[in-house]
Amino acid sequence: MATILIIEDDRVLNKGVSFALRKDGHEVISAYCKTEGKQIILNEEVDFLLLDINLPDGSGVDLCKELREYVKFPIVFFTANDTEEDMVKGFESGCDDYIAKPFSVEILKHKINAMLKRNNTVSLNSFEYNGLKIDFDKMTVELKEKEVSLTATEYKLLELLVKNKGKVLTKEILIEKLWDNSGNFVDENTLSVNIRRLRKKIEEDTKNPQYIITVFGIGYSFGE
């Protein structure tokens, strides 16, 4: 299931939708203003965003436009403003759909599940992209049909990025996920070293990578 962020200042609506989505097995994070929601996106793994247009500290449309600079997960607006002009502004900002208040929770759930299904490009067992093949069961990596030898940390880093294709993972998230169970410490310098080593092994041109993309000031993403 997915991690869904709801940015909605109406606490009754926020809690009601959260409850319904959790019953479907999703992990739900609630935020009640633009600033709080943006901070969560920068520090947590989010798969889907439900975003109110009118927030107490700013416009959801402006936030959507800003987020589209570095996130690719689906964004759906909650809105009472469903005029043609308002909807056009929303789509131009980068949203994927609208749901007008009041709405059916069942229809919302179907919309979310359909978008998540379309957005899921990674198989649970294997992955292939531009000549790079990963078998998650065997923990093997091939580049243009030649096996690539990776360290455990390099493999785990690549796996994290691939399984979150379409999302930007912040340095903080990657460091947390790469923390060794045996207690080995992973800091930002260690992360940078492993990114460089991994690029040398899989990128044809490390200065213009096609697999591991730097999102300046935030973190890294996989592919386009």
Protein backbone atom coordinates (compact mmCIF):
# COMPACT_ATOMS: atom_id res chain seq x y z
CA MET A 1 0.00 0.00 0.00
CA ALA A 2 0.97 3.65 -0.30
CA THR A 3 1.98 6.50 1.97
CA ILE A 4 -0.58 9.27 1.43
CA LEU A 5 -0.13 12.83 2.67
CA ILE A 6 -3.24 14.93 3.28
CA ILE A 7 -2.74 18.70 3.50
CA GLU A 8 -6.14 19.99 4.58
CA ASP A 9 -6.85 22.52 7.34
CA ASP A 10 -10.39 21.24 7.97
CA ARG A 11 -9.50 18.84 10.79
CA VAL A 12 -12.79 16.93 10.68
CA LEU A 13 -12.42 16.28 6.94
CA ASN A 14 -8.71 15.47 7.29
CA LYS A 15 -9.32 12.94 10.07
CA GLY A 16 -12.31 11.40 8.29
CA VAL A 17 -10.44 10.82 5.02
CA SER A 18 -7.40 9.57 6.95
CA PHE A 19 -9.53 7.01 8.78
CA ALA A 20 -11.09 5.73 5.54
CA LEU A 21 -7.74 5.40 3.77
CA ARG A 22 -6.12 3.63 6.71
CA LYS A 23 -8.94 1.07 6.60
CA ASP A 24 -7.78 0.30 3.04
CA GLY A 25 -4.29 -0.38 4.36
CA HIS A 26 -2.60 2.89 3.41
CA GLU A 27 -0.25 4.79 5.68
CA VAL A 28 -1.63 8.31 6.08
CA ILE A 29 0.16 11.45 7.23
CA SER A 30 -1.88 14.55 8.06
CA ALA A 31 -0.80 18.17 7.75
CA TYR A 32 -2.94 21.26 8.28
CA CYS A 33 -1.01 24.00 6.49
CA LYS A 34 1.29 24.56 3.51
CA THR A 35 4.48 24.91 5.58
CA GLU A 36 3.89 21.73 7.57
CA GLY A 37 3.04 19.73 4.47
CA LYS A 38 6.10 20.87 2.55
CA GLN A 39 8.36 19.92 5.45
CA ILE A 40 6.87 16.43 5.54
CA ILE A 41 7.46 15.97 1.80
CA LEU A 42 11.11 16.98 2.19
CA ASN A 43 11.69 14.54 5.04
CA GLU A 44 9.35 11.58 4.46
CA GLU A 45 8.66 9.11 1.67
CA VAL A 46 5.33 10.14 0.14
CA ASP A 47 3.53 8.29 -2.69
CA PHE A 48 0.41 10.42 -3.09
CA LEU A 49 -0.73 13.91 -2.09
CA LEU A 50 -4.26 15.12 -1.37
CA LEU A 51 -4.02 18.91 -1.27
CA ASP A 52 -6.53 21.58 -0.27
CA ILE A 53 -6.42 24.69 -2.46
CA ASN A 54 -7.21 27.23 0.28
CA LEU A 55 -4.74 26.79 3.14
CA PRO A 56 -4.28 29.13 6.11
CA ASP A 57 -0.71 30.05 5.14
CA GLY A 58 -0.98 30.13 1.36
CA SER A 59 -2.35 28.64 -1.83
CA GLY A 60 -2.33 24.93 -2.56
CA VAL A 61 -1.99 25.80 -6.24
CA ASP A 62 1.26 27.64 -5.54
CA LEU A 63 2.51 24.71 -3.45
CA CYS A 64 1.67 22.24 -6.22
CA LYS A 65 3.57 24.32 -8.76
CA GLU A 66 6.57 24.45 -6.43
CA LEU A 67 6.49 20.72 -5.70
CA ARG A 68 6.36 19.81 -9.37
CA GLU A 69 9.95 21.07 -9.63
CA TYR A 70 11.12 17.95 -7.79
CA VAL A 71 8.31 15.42 -7.17
CA LYS A 72 6.47 13.15 -9.59
CA PHE A 73 3.92 11.43 -7.37
CA PRO A 74 0.19 12.06 -8.05
CA ILE A 75 -1.35 15.24 -6.62
CA VAL A 76 -5.12 15.62 -6.29
CA PHE A 77 -6.78 18.83 -5.14
CA PHE A 78 -9.58 19.04 -2.61
CA THR A 79 -11.58 22.10 -3.60
CA ALA A 80 -14.84 23.94 -3.25
CA ASN A 81 -13.72 26.09 -6.20
CA ASP A 82 -14.59 23.89 -9.17
CA THR A 83 -15.13 26.53 -11.82
CA GLU A 84 -13.49 25.98 -15.19
CA GLU A 85 -11.01 28.81 -14.57
CA ASP A 86 -9.96 27.42 -11.18
CA MET A 87 -9.53 23.92 -12.58
CA VAL A 88 -7.41 25.16 -15.48
CA LYS A 89 -5.13 26.97 -13.01
CA GLY A 90 -4.81 23.77 -11.01
CA PHE A 91 -3.91 21.61 -13.99
CA GLU A 92 -1.42 24.21 -15.16
CA SER A 93 0.24 24.05 -11.75
CA GLY A 94 0.78 20.31 -12.20
CA CYS A 95 -2.08 18.58 -10.41
CA ASP A 96 -3.36 15.23 -11.69
CA ASP A 97 -7.02 15.59 -10.77
CA TYR A 98 -9.65 17.43 -8.74
CA ILE A 99 -12.23 16.23 -6.29
CA ALA A 100 -14.92 18.78 -5.40
CA LYS A 101 -16.26 19.18 -1.86
CA PRO A 102 -18.45 17.57 -0.71
CA PHE A 103 -17.36 14.25 -2.20
CA SER A 104 -17.83 10.50 -1.91
CA VAL A 105 -15.02 8.83 0.02
CA GLU A 106 -15.54 5.67 -2.06
CA ILE A 107 -14.98 7.60 -5.30
CA LEU A 108 -11.89 9.21 -3.78
CA LYS A 109 -10.49 5.80 -2.85
CA HIS A 110 -11.06 4.50 -6.37
CA LYS A 111 -9.33 7.56 -7.84
CA ILE A 112 -6.34 7.07 -5.56
CA ASN A 113 -6.01 3.34 -6.29
CA ALA A 114 -6.26 3.91 -10.05
CA MET A 115 -3.56 6.59 -10.02
CA LEU A 116 -1.25 4.56 -7.81
CA LYS A 117 -1.62 1.58 -10.14
CA ARG A 118 -0.69 3.71 -13.17
CA ASN A 119 2.21 5.28 -11.28
CA ASN A 120 3.73 1.99 -10.17
CA THR A 121 6.42 1.23 -12.75
CA VAL A 122 8.59 -1.10 -10.65
CA SER A 123 7.93 -4.83 -10.38
CA LEU A 124 8.38 -6.37 -6.92
CA ASN A 125 10.85 -8.94 -8.26
CA SER A 126 12.68 -7.32 -11.16
CA PHE A 127 13.27 -4.03 -12.90
CA GLU A 128 14.61 -2.93 -16.27
CA TYR A 129 15.39 0.57 -17.50
CA ASN A 130 17.59 1.69 -20.40
CA GLY A 131 19.77 -1.42 -20.33
CA LEU A 132 19.98 -1.65 -16.54
CA LYS A 133 18.47 -4.83 -15.11
CA ILE A 134 17.96 -5.66 -11.44
CA ASP A 135 16.78 -8.98 -10.03
CA PHE A 136 15.63 -8.24 -6.49
CA ASP A 137 15.26 -11.92 -5.58
CA LYS A 138 18.82 -12.80 -6.61
CA MET A 139 20.17 -9.33 -5.70
CA THR A 140 21.98 -9.07 -9.03
CA VAL A 141 22.54 -6.09 -11.32
CA GLU A 142 23.30 -6.17 -15.04
CA LEU A 143 24.19 -3.32 -17.36
CA LYS A 144 23.78 -4.06 -21.05
CA GLU A 145 23.80 -7.81 -20.24
CA LYS A 146 27.06 -7.59 -18.24
CA GLU A 147 26.99 -8.26 -14.51
CA VAL A 148 27.86 -5.32 -12.28
CA SER A 149 29.56 -6.02 -8.97
CA LEU A 150 28.22 -3.79 -6.18
CA THR A 151 28.97 -3.55 -2.49
CA ALA A 152 26.09 -4.19 -0.09
CA THR A 153 25.66 -0.47 0.52
CA GLU A 154 25.80 0.38 -3.19
CA TYR A 155 23.17 -2.25 -3.95
CA LYS A 156 20.90 -1.08 -1.15
CA LEU A 157 21.24 2.52 -2.35
CA LEU A 158 20.37 1.56 -5.93
CA GLU A 159 17.44 -0.55 -4.74
CA LEU A 160 16.05 2.35 -2.69
CA LEU A 161 16.23 4.74 -5.62
CA VAL A 162 14.75 2.27 -8.12
CA LYS A 163 11.86 1.22 -5.88
CA ASN A 164 11.04 4.89 -5.40
CA LYS A 165 11.28 5.76 -9.10
CA GLY A 166 9.35 8.93 -9.78
CA LYS A 167 10.08 10.38 -6.35
CA VAL A 168 12.90 12.47 -4.95
CA LEU A 169 14.51 10.91 -1.89
CA THR A 170 16.10 13.45 0.40
CA LYS A 171 19.59 12.87 1.76
CA GLU A 172 18.07 12.48 5.22
CA ILE A 173 15.77 9.66 4.08
CA LEU A 174 18.58 7.85 2.27
CA ILE A 175 20.91 8.13 5.26
CA GLU A 176 18.19 6.77 7.55
CA LYS A 177 17.45 3.86 5.21
CA LEU A 178 21.14 3.05 4.73
CA TRP A 179 21.83 2.87 8.44
CA ASP A 180 23.30 -0.61 8.93
CA ASN A 181 21.43 -2.92 11.32
CA SER A 182 24.77 -3.86 12.84
CA GLY A 183 25.24 -0.24 13.88
CA ASN A 184 27.53 1.04 11.12
CA PHE A 185 27.05 4.78 10.84
CA VAL A 186 26.14 6.34 7.48
CA ASP A 187 26.55 10.11 7.23
CA GLU A 188 26.19 12.58 4.36
CA ASN A 189 29.82 12.12 3.31
CA THR A 190 29.41 8.33 3.20
CA LEU A 191 26.28 8.77 1.11
CA SER A 192 28.10 11.06 -1.37
CA VAL A 193 30.98 8.58 -1.67
CA ASN A 194 28.60 5.71 -2.42
CA ILE A 195 26.69 7.79 -4.97
CA ARG A 196 29.98 8.54 -6.78
CA ARG A 197 31.11 4.90 -6.71
CA LEU A 198 27.73 3.66 -7.92
CA ARG A 199 27.70 6.15 -10.77
CA LYS A 200 31.18 5.03 -11.87
CA LYS A 201 29.88 1.47 -12.13
CA ILE A 202 26.61 2.08 -13.98
CA GLU A 203 26.75 5.47 -15.68
CA GLU A 204 28.26 5.90 -19.13
CA ASP A 205 28.92 9.57 -18.37
CA THR A 206 29.10 10.38 -14.64
CA LYS A 207 28.84 14.11 -15.39
CA ASN A 208 25.54 13.57 -17.22
CA PRO A 209 23.96 10.61 -15.42
CA GLN A 210 20.87 8.91 -16.81
CA TYR A 211 20.13 6.69 -13.81
CA ILE A 212 21.05 8.51 -10.58
CA ILE A 213 19.91 12.11 -10.86
CA THR A 214 20.92 14.82 -8.40
CA VAL A 215 18.13 17.14 -7.29
CA PHE A 216 20.23 20.03 -6.05
CA GLY A 217 19.72 21.02 -2.45
CA ILE A 218 17.34 18.12 -1.79
CA GLY A 219 18.61 14.65 -2.68
CA TYR A 220 18.47 12.12 -5.50
CA SER A 221 16.00 10.42 -7.81
CA PHE A 222 16.17 7.56 -10.29
CA GLY A 223 15.84 8.09 -14.03
CA GLU A 224 13.97 10.87 -15.80
